[in-house]
Amino acid sequence: MIKEIKRFLKRNKPTDRTKKYWENAAKKSVESVMESICDQFDKETFESKKESLIFSQKMQLTPDIRILDLACGMGRTCRWVAPKVKEYVGVDFIPEMIEKAKAYNSEINNAKFLVNDGKTLNIFEDENFDIIYCELAFQHMLKSIQESYMNDIHRVLKNNGLFYVQLPRFEFYKDPSYARTKEEVDELFKDFKVTYADISPAYYYIKATKLRI
């Protein structure tokens, strides 16, 4: 796995994944978009390989909760999440990607996909979601964008709501523009109770609980 990550990084630095990159990716065929989102994934793997946070972190999905998938891409995890919850909402800042997400998940009645601005969740009211998760996207965001999102994640989560995310480790990526030391992660999550659910060479796996206000 580490060798695969290093090969990927050699070809694609995470901070090269700009809006232009994702706009171009979203204009391609469904299979090409799958490849852009999940490097070296074919269609069968994209639809069946369950390496998502929802499985690795054993999220408690129940019929009474509302859940937000931040930076959802074409909604790969929607079909695993939506049947178990009251409502699934996916957001992405690329309109073409949202259109593909809608088409890819068109048979799912309790899912909706919305375009956001790529740095906030200002399309949502306060205390709107029980769970938010962000699947392998923070490594594509500069720290200022990460911080902007964290402020709004705290705002739109209900009290004691949960946020799941992978944070890029500075020790692995060696780029201070987006990767963080543990001390910086702690500061980013200062308004949450944080559990380091797992630590890999490249990522901190975070389960964060919004503190009651």
Protein backbone atom coordinates (compact mmCIF):
# COMPACT_ATOMS: atom_id res chain seq x y z
CA MET A 1 0.00 0.00 0.00
CA ILE A 2 2.78 2.49 0.87
CA LYS A 3 4.52 1.82 -2.47
CA GLU A 4 1.23 2.38 -4.30
CA ILE A 5 0.71 5.71 -2.52
CA LYS A 6 4.25 6.84 -3.37
CA ARG A 7 3.81 5.88 -7.03
CA PHE A 8 0.57 7.85 -7.12
CA LEU A 9 2.19 10.91 -5.51
CA LYS A 10 5.02 10.80 -8.00
CA ARG A 11 2.47 11.24 -10.78
CA ASN A 12 -0.02 13.52 -9.00
CA LYS A 13 0.89 15.87 -6.19
CA PRO A 14 -2.27 16.37 -4.10
CA THR A 15 -2.05 20.15 -4.36
CA ASP A 16 -2.07 19.81 -8.17
CA ARG A 17 -5.67 18.59 -7.90
CA THR A 18 -7.09 22.01 -8.69
CA LYS A 19 -10.59 23.06 -9.70
CA LYS A 20 -9.47 22.90 -13.35
CA TYR A 21 -8.32 19.30 -12.85
CA TRP A 22 -11.68 18.21 -11.42
CA GLU A 23 -13.64 20.17 -14.02
CA ASN A 24 -11.76 18.36 -16.77
CA ALA A 25 -12.19 15.02 -15.01
CA ALA A 26 -15.94 15.53 -14.62
CA LYS A 27 -16.38 16.11 -18.37
CA LYS A 28 -15.12 12.61 -19.20
CA SER A 29 -16.98 9.31 -19.29
CA VAL A 30 -18.24 7.71 -16.09
CA GLU A 31 -15.42 5.16 -16.21
CA SER A 32 -12.81 7.90 -16.68
CA VAL A 33 -14.22 9.85 -13.74
CA MET A 34 -13.99 6.71 -11.61
CA GLU A 35 -10.32 6.46 -12.58
CA SER A 36 -9.75 10.13 -11.70
CA ILE A 37 -11.37 9.71 -8.27
CA CYS A 38 -9.84 6.31 -7.45
CA ASP A 39 -6.48 5.85 -9.14
CA GLN A 40 -6.21 2.49 -10.93
CA PHE A 41 -9.83 1.55 -10.07
CA ASP A 42 -11.90 -0.10 -12.77
CA LYS A 43 -15.70 0.15 -12.71
CA GLU A 44 -16.20 -3.12 -10.83
CA THR A 45 -13.66 -2.15 -8.17
CA PHE A 46 -15.08 1.37 -7.88
CA GLU A 47 -18.52 -0.04 -7.15
CA SER A 48 -17.56 -2.91 -4.87
CA LYS A 49 -14.28 -2.27 -3.03
CA LYS A 50 -15.26 -1.18 0.47
CA GLU A 51 -12.30 0.79 1.80
CA SER A 52 -14.39 3.82 2.75
CA LEU A 53 -14.43 5.51 6.13
CA ILE A 54 -17.99 4.26 6.59
CA PHE A 55 -16.60 0.73 6.83
CA SER A 56 -13.14 1.23 8.31
CA GLN A 57 -14.49 3.43 11.09
CA LYS A 58 -17.67 1.37 11.58
CA MET A 59 -20.04 4.33 11.36
CA GLN A 60 -23.32 3.78 13.15
CA LEU A 61 -25.85 4.40 10.40
CA THR A 62 -29.46 4.38 11.60
CA PRO A 63 -32.81 5.22 9.94
CA ASP A 64 -33.27 8.44 11.91
CA ILE A 65 -30.11 10.33 10.91
CA ARG A 66 -29.23 12.87 8.25
CA ILE A 67 -25.74 12.48 6.81
CA LEU A 68 -23.50 14.72 4.67
CA ASP A 69 -20.83 13.45 2.29
CA LEU A 70 -18.40 16.38 1.84
CA ALA A 71 -16.54 16.43 -1.50
CA CYS A 72 -18.67 13.54 -2.68
CA GLY A 73 -17.40 13.40 -6.26
CA MET A 74 -19.79 11.20 -8.21
CA GLY A 75 -21.27 9.78 -5.02
CA ARG A 76 -19.44 6.49 -4.83
CA THR A 77 -20.44 5.79 -1.21
CA CYS A 78 -24.05 6.93 -1.55
CA ARG A 79 -25.42 3.49 -2.45
CA TRP A 80 -23.89 2.03 0.72
CA VAL A 81 -25.04 4.84 3.02
CA ALA A 82 -28.42 6.06 1.80
CA PRO A 83 -30.39 2.82 2.36
CA LYS A 84 -29.43 2.90 6.05
CA VAL A 85 -30.24 6.53 6.91
CA LYS A 86 -33.12 9.02 6.75
CA GLU A 87 -31.37 11.26 4.22
CA TYR A 88 -28.01 11.29 2.43
CA VAL A 89 -26.72 14.60 1.07
CA GLY A 90 -23.62 14.87 -1.10
CA VAL A 91 -21.86 18.14 -1.95
CA ASP A 92 -19.08 18.94 -4.39
CA PHE A 93 -17.85 22.20 -5.91
CA ILE A 94 -17.77 20.90 -9.49
CA PRO A 95 -21.24 21.16 -11.10
CA GLU A 96 -20.44 18.51 -13.73
CA MET A 97 -19.41 16.08 -10.97
CA ILE A 98 -22.71 16.66 -9.17
CA GLU A 99 -24.60 15.93 -12.38
CA LYS A 100 -22.72 12.64 -12.69
CA ALA A 101 -23.49 11.85 -9.04
CA LYS A 102 -27.18 12.43 -9.66
CA ALA A 103 -27.17 10.14 -12.68
CA TYR A 104 -25.04 7.46 -11.00
CA ASN A 105 -27.40 7.33 -7.99
CA SER A 106 -30.66 8.13 -9.76
CA GLU A 107 -32.48 5.11 -8.32
CA ILE A 108 -31.89 6.21 -4.70
CA ASN A 109 -34.89 8.18 -3.44
CA ASN A 110 -33.52 9.58 -0.17
CA ALA A 111 -30.33 11.05 -1.68
CA LYS A 112 -29.70 14.50 -3.05
CA PHE A 113 -26.61 16.17 -4.48
CA LEU A 114 -25.80 19.88 -4.30
CA VAL A 115 -23.08 22.21 -5.58
CA ASN A 116 -21.20 24.14 -2.90
CA ASP A 117 -18.49 26.80 -3.21
CA GLY A 118 -15.50 24.58 -2.42
CA LYS A 119 -14.70 26.17 0.94
CA THR A 120 -17.89 26.51 3.01
CA LEU A 121 -21.20 24.81 3.76
CA ASN A 122 -23.17 28.05 3.69
CA ILE A 123 -25.97 26.39 1.71
CA PHE A 124 -27.02 24.63 4.95
CA GLU A 125 -28.62 25.91 8.13
CA ASP A 126 -27.08 25.44 11.58
CA GLU A 127 -27.24 22.05 13.32
CA ASN A 128 -28.48 20.25 10.23
CA PHE A 129 -26.61 16.91 10.22
CA ASP A 130 -25.98 14.03 12.61
CA ILE A 131 -22.88 12.79 10.75
CA ILE A 132 -20.53 14.37 8.22
CA TYR A 133 -17.74 12.50 6.49
CA CYS A 134 -15.10 13.50 3.97
CA GLU A 135 -13.47 10.68 2.03
CA LEU A 136 -9.85 11.28 0.96
CA ALA A 137 -10.35 14.94 0.06
CA PHE A 138 -8.54 17.02 2.69
CA GLN A 139 -5.21 16.18 1.01
CA HIS A 140 -6.48 18.12 -2.02
CA MET A 141 -7.17 21.24 0.07
CA LEU A 142 -4.79 23.94 1.22
CA LYS A 143 -4.83 24.51 4.97
CA SER A 144 -6.91 27.68 4.68
CA ILE A 145 -9.64 25.69 2.90
CA GLN A 146 -9.45 22.91 5.51
CA GLU A 147 -9.90 25.52 8.25
CA SER A 148 -12.81 27.19 6.47
CA TYR A 149 -14.56 23.84 6.14
CA MET A 150 -13.93 22.95 9.78
CA ASN A 151 -15.66 26.12 10.95
CA ASP A 152 -18.75 25.27 8.92
CA ILE A 153 -18.66 21.58 9.78
CA HIS A 154 -18.90 22.58 13.43
CA ARG A 155 -21.76 24.95 12.63
CA VAL A 156 -23.93 22.53 10.62
CA LEU A 157 -23.41 19.49 12.86
CA LYS A 158 -25.92 18.89 15.62
CA ASN A 159 -24.66 18.87 19.20
CA ASN A 160 -22.70 15.66 19.73
CA GLY A 161 -22.70 15.13 15.96
CA LEU A 162 -19.80 13.23 14.41
CA PHE A 163 -17.27 14.12 11.71
CA TYR A 164 -15.07 11.46 10.08
CA VAL A 165 -12.06 12.35 7.92
CA GLN A 166 -8.54 11.37 6.90
CA LEU A 167 -5.97 14.11 7.51
CA PRO A 168 -2.70 14.09 5.50
CA ARG A 169 0.35 13.64 7.75
CA PHE A 170 3.24 16.05 7.34
CA GLU A 171 5.68 13.28 8.18
CA PHE A 172 4.65 11.50 4.96
CA TYR A 173 3.79 14.27 2.49
CA LYS A 174 6.43 16.81 3.64
CA ASP A 175 4.36 19.72 2.31
CA PRO A 176 3.23 22.29 4.91
CA SER A 177 0.68 23.85 2.55
CA TYR A 178 -1.82 21.04 3.21
CA ALA A 179 -0.25 18.30 5.38
CA ARG A 180 -0.35 18.60 9.17
CA THR A 181 1.59 17.56 12.23
CA LYS A 182 -0.37 16.06 15.10
CA GLU A 183 -0.17 19.38 16.94
CA GLU A 184 -1.71 21.14 13.95
CA VAL A 185 -4.46 18.53 13.74
CA ASP A 186 -5.24 19.07 17.41
CA GLU A 187 -5.49 22.82 16.80
CA LEU A 188 -7.73 22.31 13.75
CA PHE A 189 -10.12 20.26 15.90
CA LYS A 190 -10.03 22.50 18.97
CA ASP A 191 -13.84 22.71 19.07
CA PHE A 192 -14.28 18.94 18.94
CA LYS A 193 -13.56 15.93 21.07
CA VAL A 194 -11.12 14.00 18.88
CA THR A 195 -10.43 10.29 18.68
CA TYR A 196 -7.48 9.17 16.59
CA ALA A 197 -9.24 6.07 15.30
CA ASP A 198 -6.21 4.97 13.29
CA ILE A 199 -2.87 6.27 12.05
CA SER A 200 -1.33 5.10 8.78
CA PRO A 201 1.96 6.31 7.27
CA ALA A 202 0.05 8.88 5.18
CA TYR A 203 -3.04 9.74 7.24
CA TYR A 204 -4.57 10.41 10.61
CA TYR A 205 -8.03 8.82 10.71
CA ILE A 206 -10.16 11.15 12.79
CA LYS A 207 -13.47 10.64 14.54
CA ALA A 208 -14.51 14.02 15.96
CA THR A 209 -17.50 14.77 18.16
CA LYS A 210 -18.91 18.29 18.19
CA LEU A 211 -18.82 19.61 21.73
CA ARG A 212 -22.17 20.71 23.10
CA ILE A 213 -22.64 24.48 22.88
